[in-house]
Amino acid sequence: MADTNAKLDFPPRISVEEVEEGLLLMPIFDERGLISCITTDIETGDVLMLGYMNRDALALTIETGEAHYWSRSRNILWHKGATSGLVQKVIEMRVDDDQDAVWLKVSVAGSGASCHVGYKSCFYRAIDLPNVSLRFVEASKTFDPLEVYGDVPNPTQL
């Protein structure tokens, strides 16, 4: 589990103009205290995952230069790659126009994969329309999750 003693605090949102076109990071978190985060591979531009950050995760990401998220399924702060070694080093970080979403461009240590199922991207299936069936777009797994995670509980909830 990550250190929860993040030192960074964010200034209050003063005006729409400052939020949309100012130079201060003033993120807004939802009713659960979370902000959405899209993470992409710096080399390919591929979307690796969609995650969520609370204040501590966002602050730790900024302070350490490595991605931290809030796991909604496990209800914990998590340093991506702490268990697997697939640490996401932040190369560039962006915020959207109203500062309610974050975009991380990262390089991933090890195999370059980010999905706990073993694929490079968490978006390893496409939805074929109009029949709404799934099709694998990644032909094979990048790593064996059992070898990497062992007996760590699977974060996927039913």
C-alpha atoms as a PDB file:
ATOM      1  CA  MET A   1       0.000   0.000   0.000  1.00  0.00           C
ATOM      2  CA  ALA A   2       1.221   3.501  -0.777  1.00  0.00           C
ATOM      3  CA  ASP A   3       2.183   6.176   1.718  1.00  0.00           C
ATOM      4  CA  THR A   4      -0.900   8.276   2.468  1.00  0.00           C
ATOM      5  CA  ASN A   5       1.014  11.269   3.796  1.00  0.00           C
ATOM      6  CA  ALA A   6       0.923  13.303   0.601  1.00  0.00           C
ATOM      7  CA  LYS A   7       2.076  16.851   1.248  1.00  0.00           C
ATOM      8  CA  LEU A   8       0.582  18.568  -1.792  1.00  0.00           C
ATOM      9  CA  ASP A   9      -2.680  20.445  -1.361  1.00  0.00           C
ATOM     10  CA  PHE A  10      -4.767  22.017  -4.097  1.00  0.00           C
ATOM     11  CA  PRO A  11      -6.035  25.620  -4.044  1.00  0.00           C
ATOM     12  CA  PRO A  12      -9.773  26.312  -3.926  1.00  0.00           C
ATOM     13  CA  ARG A  13     -11.622  26.865  -7.186  1.00  0.00           C
ATOM     14  CA  ILE A  14     -12.069  30.634  -7.378  1.00  0.00           C
ATOM     15  CA  SER A  15     -13.575  31.343 -10.788  1.00  0.00           C
ATOM     16  CA  VAL A  16     -14.559  29.600 -14.008  1.00  0.00           C
ATOM     17  CA  GLU A  17     -11.958  31.647 -15.856  1.00  0.00           C
ATOM     18  CA  GLU A  18      -9.181  30.494 -13.507  1.00  0.00           C
ATOM     19  CA  VAL A  19     -10.312  26.851 -13.713  1.00  0.00           C
ATOM     20  CA  GLU A  20     -10.578  26.837 -17.515  1.00  0.00           C
ATOM     21  CA  GLU A  21      -7.714  29.076 -18.557  1.00  0.00           C
ATOM     22  CA  GLY A  22      -5.600  29.763 -15.490  1.00  0.00           C
ATOM     23  CA  LEU A  23      -2.254  28.307 -14.477  1.00  0.00           C
ATOM     24  CA  LEU A  24      -3.283  26.697 -11.182  1.00  0.00           C
ATOM     25  CA  LEU A  25      -4.199  23.048 -10.730  1.00  0.00           C
ATOM     26  CA  MET A  26      -7.613  23.134  -9.032  1.00  0.00           C
ATOM     27  CA  PRO A  27      -9.066  19.654  -9.551  1.00  0.00           C
ATOM     28  CA  ILE A  28     -12.648  18.885  -8.666  1.00  0.00           C
ATOM     29  CA  PHE A  29     -13.444  15.503  -7.182  1.00  0.00           C
ATOM     30  CA  ASP A  30     -16.829  13.774  -7.407  1.00  0.00           C
ATOM     31  CA  GLU A  31     -19.167  13.008  -4.501  1.00  0.00           C
ATOM     32  CA  ARG A  32     -16.969   9.992  -3.597  1.00  0.00           C
ATOM     33  CA  GLY A  33     -13.842  12.158  -3.583  1.00  0.00           C
ATOM     34  CA  LEU A  34     -12.555  10.760  -6.894  1.00  0.00           C
ATOM     35  CA  ILE A  35     -11.327  12.126 -10.213  1.00  0.00           C
ATOM     36  CA  SER A  36     -11.144  10.020 -13.414  1.00  0.00           C
ATOM     37  CA  CYS A  37      -7.735   9.297 -14.888  1.00  0.00           C
ATOM     38  CA  ILE A  38      -6.992   8.034 -18.404  1.00  0.00           C
ATOM     39  CA  THR A  39      -3.538   6.479 -18.723  1.00  0.00           C
ATOM     40  CA  THR A  40      -1.813   6.037 -22.093  1.00  0.00           C
ATOM     41  CA  ASP A  41       1.496   4.599 -23.268  1.00  0.00           C
ATOM     42  CA  ILE A  42       3.934   7.425 -24.063  1.00  0.00           C
ATOM     43  CA  GLU A  43       5.405   5.575 -27.059  1.00  0.00           C
ATOM     44  CA  THR A  44       2.298   4.225 -28.786  1.00  0.00           C
ATOM     45  CA  GLY A  45      -0.491   6.442 -27.487  1.00  0.00           C
ATOM     46  CA  ASP A  46      -2.501   3.309 -26.659  1.00  0.00           C
ATOM     47  CA  VAL A  47      -4.952   3.664 -23.798  1.00  0.00           C
ATOM     48  CA  LEU A  48      -3.666   1.423 -21.023  1.00  0.00           C
ATOM     49  CA  MET A  49      -6.350   1.955 -18.429  1.00  0.00           C
ATOM     50  CA  LEU A  50      -9.025   4.130 -16.884  1.00  0.00           C
ATOM     51  CA  GLY A  51      -8.494   4.612 -13.178  1.00  0.00           C
ATOM     52  CA  TYR A  52      -9.568   6.894 -10.399  1.00  0.00           C
ATOM     53  CA  MET A  53      -7.586   9.076  -8.029  1.00  0.00           C
ATOM     54  CA  ASN A  54      -8.489  10.605  -4.719  1.00  0.00           C
ATOM     55  CA  ARG A  55      -6.611  13.657  -3.376  1.00  0.00           C
ATOM     56  CA  ASP A  56      -3.799  11.536  -1.942  1.00  0.00           C
ATOM     57  CA  ALA A  57      -3.355   9.503  -5.141  1.00  0.00           C
ATOM     58  CA  LEU A  58      -3.192  12.652  -7.272  1.00  0.00           C
ATOM     59  CA  ALA A  59      -0.782  14.334  -4.863  1.00  0.00           C
ATOM     60  CA  LEU A  60       1.451  11.236  -4.645  1.00  0.00           C
ATOM     61  CA  THR A  61       1.500  10.908  -8.430  1.00  0.00           C
ATOM     62  CA  ILE A  62       2.681  14.507  -8.711  1.00  0.00           C
ATOM     63  CA  GLU A  63       5.185  14.188  -5.845  1.00  0.00           C
ATOM     64  CA  THR A  64       6.736  10.853  -6.897  1.00  0.00           C
ATOM     65  CA  GLY A  65       6.403  10.938 -10.689  1.00  0.00           C
ATOM     66  CA  GLU A  66       4.835   7.455 -10.549  1.00  0.00           C
ATOM     67  CA  ALA A  67       1.141   6.652 -10.962  1.00  0.00           C
ATOM     68  CA  HIS A  68      -0.965   6.163  -7.850  1.00  0.00           C
ATOM     69  CA  TYR A  69      -4.675   5.374  -7.968  1.00  0.00           C
ATOM     70  CA  TRP A  70      -7.617   4.798  -5.671  1.00  0.00           C
ATOM     71  CA  SER A  71      -8.955   1.261  -6.024  1.00  0.00           C
ATOM     72  CA  ARG A  72     -12.734   1.424  -5.836  1.00  0.00           C
ATOM     73  CA  SER A  73     -13.018  -2.369  -5.611  1.00  0.00           C
ATOM     74  CA  ARG A  74     -10.466  -2.761  -2.793  1.00  0.00           C
ATOM     75  CA  ASN A  75     -11.096   0.650  -1.213  1.00  0.00           C
ATOM     76  CA  ILE A  76      -7.367   1.390  -0.924  1.00  0.00           C
ATOM     77  CA  LEU A  77      -4.744   3.772  -2.252  1.00  0.00           C
ATOM     78  CA  TRP A  78      -2.495   1.886  -4.615  1.00  0.00           C
ATOM     79  CA  HIS A  79       0.902   2.535  -6.189  1.00  0.00           C
ATOM     80  CA  LYS A  80       0.568   1.003  -9.654  1.00  0.00           C
ATOM     81  CA  GLY A  81       3.175  -1.720 -10.031  1.00  0.00           C
ATOM     82  CA  ALA A  82       4.049  -2.052  -6.329  1.00  0.00           C
ATOM     83  CA  THR A  83       3.100  -5.751  -6.459  1.00  0.00           C
ATOM     84  CA  SER A  84       3.739  -6.576 -10.128  1.00  0.00           C
ATOM     85  CA  GLY A  85       6.788  -4.398 -10.796  1.00  0.00           C
ATOM     86  CA  LEU A  86       4.881  -2.801 -13.700  1.00  0.00           C
ATOM     87  CA  VAL A  87       5.375   0.712 -12.310  1.00  0.00           C
ATOM     88  CA  GLN A  88       3.999   3.535 -14.437  1.00  0.00           C
ATOM     89  CA  LYS A  89       6.537   6.381 -14.675  1.00  0.00           C
ATOM     90  CA  VAL A  90       4.709   9.607 -15.512  1.00  0.00           C
ATOM     91  CA  ILE A  91       6.238  11.370 -18.519  1.00  0.00           C
ATOM     92  CA  GLU A  92       3.464  13.921 -18.983  1.00  0.00           C
ATOM     93  CA  MET A  93       0.368  14.774 -16.987  1.00  0.00           C
ATOM     94  CA  ARG A  94      -2.604  16.780 -18.256  1.00  0.00           C
ATOM     95  CA  VAL A  95      -5.905  17.978 -16.851  1.00  0.00           C
ATOM     96  CA  ASP A  96      -9.044  18.617 -18.900  1.00  0.00           C
ATOM     97  CA  ASP A  97     -10.801  21.965 -19.347  1.00  0.00           C
ATOM     98  CA  ASP A  98     -12.906  21.913 -16.166  1.00  0.00           C
ATOM     99  CA  GLN A  99     -10.269  19.966 -14.220  1.00  0.00           C
ATOM    100  CA  ASP A 100     -12.445  16.947 -13.447  1.00  0.00           C
ATOM    101  CA  ALA A 101     -10.302  14.413 -15.342  1.00  0.00           C
ATOM    102  CA  VAL A 102      -6.587  13.668 -15.551  1.00  0.00           C
ATOM    103  CA  TRP A 103      -4.575  12.177 -18.426  1.00  0.00           C
ATOM    104  CA  LEU A 104      -1.283  10.443 -17.691  1.00  0.00           C
ATOM    105  CA  LYS A 105       1.221   9.602 -20.414  1.00  0.00           C
ATOM    106  CA  VAL A 106       3.472   6.927 -18.935  1.00  0.00           C
ATOM    107  CA  SER A 107       6.254   4.497 -19.612  1.00  0.00           C
ATOM    108  CA  VAL A 108       5.715   1.152 -17.912  1.00  0.00           C
ATOM    109  CA  ALA A 109       8.539  -0.814 -16.313  1.00  0.00           C
ATOM    110  CA  GLY A 110       9.097  -4.481 -17.112  1.00  0.00           C
ATOM    111  CA  SER A 111       6.966  -5.928 -19.887  1.00  0.00           C
ATOM    112  CA  GLY A 112       5.223  -2.622 -20.519  1.00  0.00           C
ATOM    113  CA  ALA A 113       1.863  -4.122 -19.589  1.00  0.00           C
ATOM    114  CA  SER A 114      -0.649  -2.442 -17.294  1.00  0.00           C
ATOM    115  CA  CYS A 115      -3.566  -4.872 -17.053  1.00  0.00           C
ATOM    116  CA  HIS A 116      -3.828  -7.237 -14.073  1.00  0.00           C
ATOM    117  CA  VAL A 117      -5.287  -9.860 -16.449  1.00  0.00           C
ATOM    118  CA  GLY A 118      -1.919  -9.986 -18.253  1.00  0.00           C
ATOM    119  CA  TYR A 119      -2.596  -7.902 -21.347  1.00  0.00           C
ATOM    120  CA  LYS A 120      -0.727  -4.713 -22.256  1.00  0.00           C
ATOM    121  CA  SER A 121      -3.906  -2.622 -22.044  1.00  0.00           C
ATOM    122  CA  CYS A 122      -7.010  -3.057 -19.918  1.00  0.00           C
ATOM    123  CA  PHE A 123      -8.882  -2.388 -23.194  1.00  0.00           C
ATOM    124  CA  TYR A 124      -7.905  -5.700 -24.829  1.00  0.00           C
ATOM    125  CA  ARG A 125     -11.353  -6.397 -26.334  1.00  0.00           C
ATOM    126  CA  ALA A 126     -13.400  -4.530 -28.914  1.00  0.00           C
ATOM    127  CA  ILE A 127     -17.181  -4.456 -29.047  1.00  0.00           C
ATOM    128  CA  ASP A 128     -18.400  -5.518 -32.474  1.00  0.00           C
ATOM    129  CA  LEU A 129     -21.503  -3.606 -33.458  1.00  0.00           C
ATOM    130  CA  PRO A 130     -24.383  -4.044 -34.000  1.00  0.00           C
ATOM    131  CA  ASN A 131     -24.383  -7.602 -32.581  1.00  0.00           C
ATOM    132  CA  VAL A 132     -22.637  -6.481 -29.362  1.00  0.00           C
ATOM    133  CA  SER A 133     -20.164  -9.328 -29.160  1.00  0.00           C
ATOM    134  CA  LEU A 134     -16.635  -9.008 -27.844  1.00  0.00           C
ATOM    135  CA  ARG A 135     -13.526  -9.582 -29.950  1.00  0.00           C
ATOM    136  CA  PHE A 136      -9.972  -9.776 -28.640  1.00  0.00           C
ATOM    137  CA  VAL A 137      -7.729  -7.109 -30.160  1.00  0.00           C
ATOM    138  CA  GLU A 138      -4.655  -8.252 -28.249  1.00  0.00           C
ATOM    139  CA  ALA A 139      -3.760 -11.701 -29.520  1.00  0.00           C
ATOM    140  CA  SER A 140      -2.007 -12.862 -26.371  1.00  0.00           C
ATOM    141  CA  LYS A 141      -1.169 -11.881 -22.835  1.00  0.00           C
ATOM    142  CA  THR A 142       2.044  -9.984 -22.166  1.00  0.00           C
ATOM    143  CA  PHE A 143       2.623 -11.794 -18.869  1.00  0.00           C
ATOM    144  CA  ASP A 144       1.143 -14.609 -16.774  1.00  0.00           C
ATOM    145  CA  PRO A 145      -0.864 -12.995 -13.943  1.00  0.00           C
ATOM    146  CA  LEU A 146      -0.465 -16.065 -11.706  1.00  0.00           C
ATOM    147  CA  GLU A 147       3.329 -15.815 -11.920  1.00  0.00           C
ATOM    148  CA  VAL A 148       3.299 -12.052 -11.299  1.00  0.00           C
ATOM    149  CA  TYR A 149       0.598 -11.758  -8.619  1.00  0.00           C
ATOM    150  CA  GLY A 150       0.602 -15.206  -7.042  1.00  0.00           C
ATOM    151  CA  ASP A 151      -2.134 -15.385  -4.428  1.00  0.00           C
ATOM    152  CA  VAL A 152      -2.915 -11.642  -4.326  1.00  0.00           C
ATOM    153  CA  PRO A 153      -6.723 -11.297  -4.517  1.00  0.00           C
ATOM    154  CA  ASN A 154      -8.127 -10.407  -7.934  1.00  0.00           C
ATOM    155  CA  PRO A 155      -9.490  -6.825  -7.893  1.00  0.00           C
ATOM    156  CA  THR A 156     -12.350  -7.665 -10.295  1.00  0.00           C
ATOM    157  CA  GLN A 157     -15.654  -7.746  -8.414  1.00  0.00           C
ATOM    158  CA  LEU A 158     -18.817  -9.570  -9.449  1.00  0.00           C
END
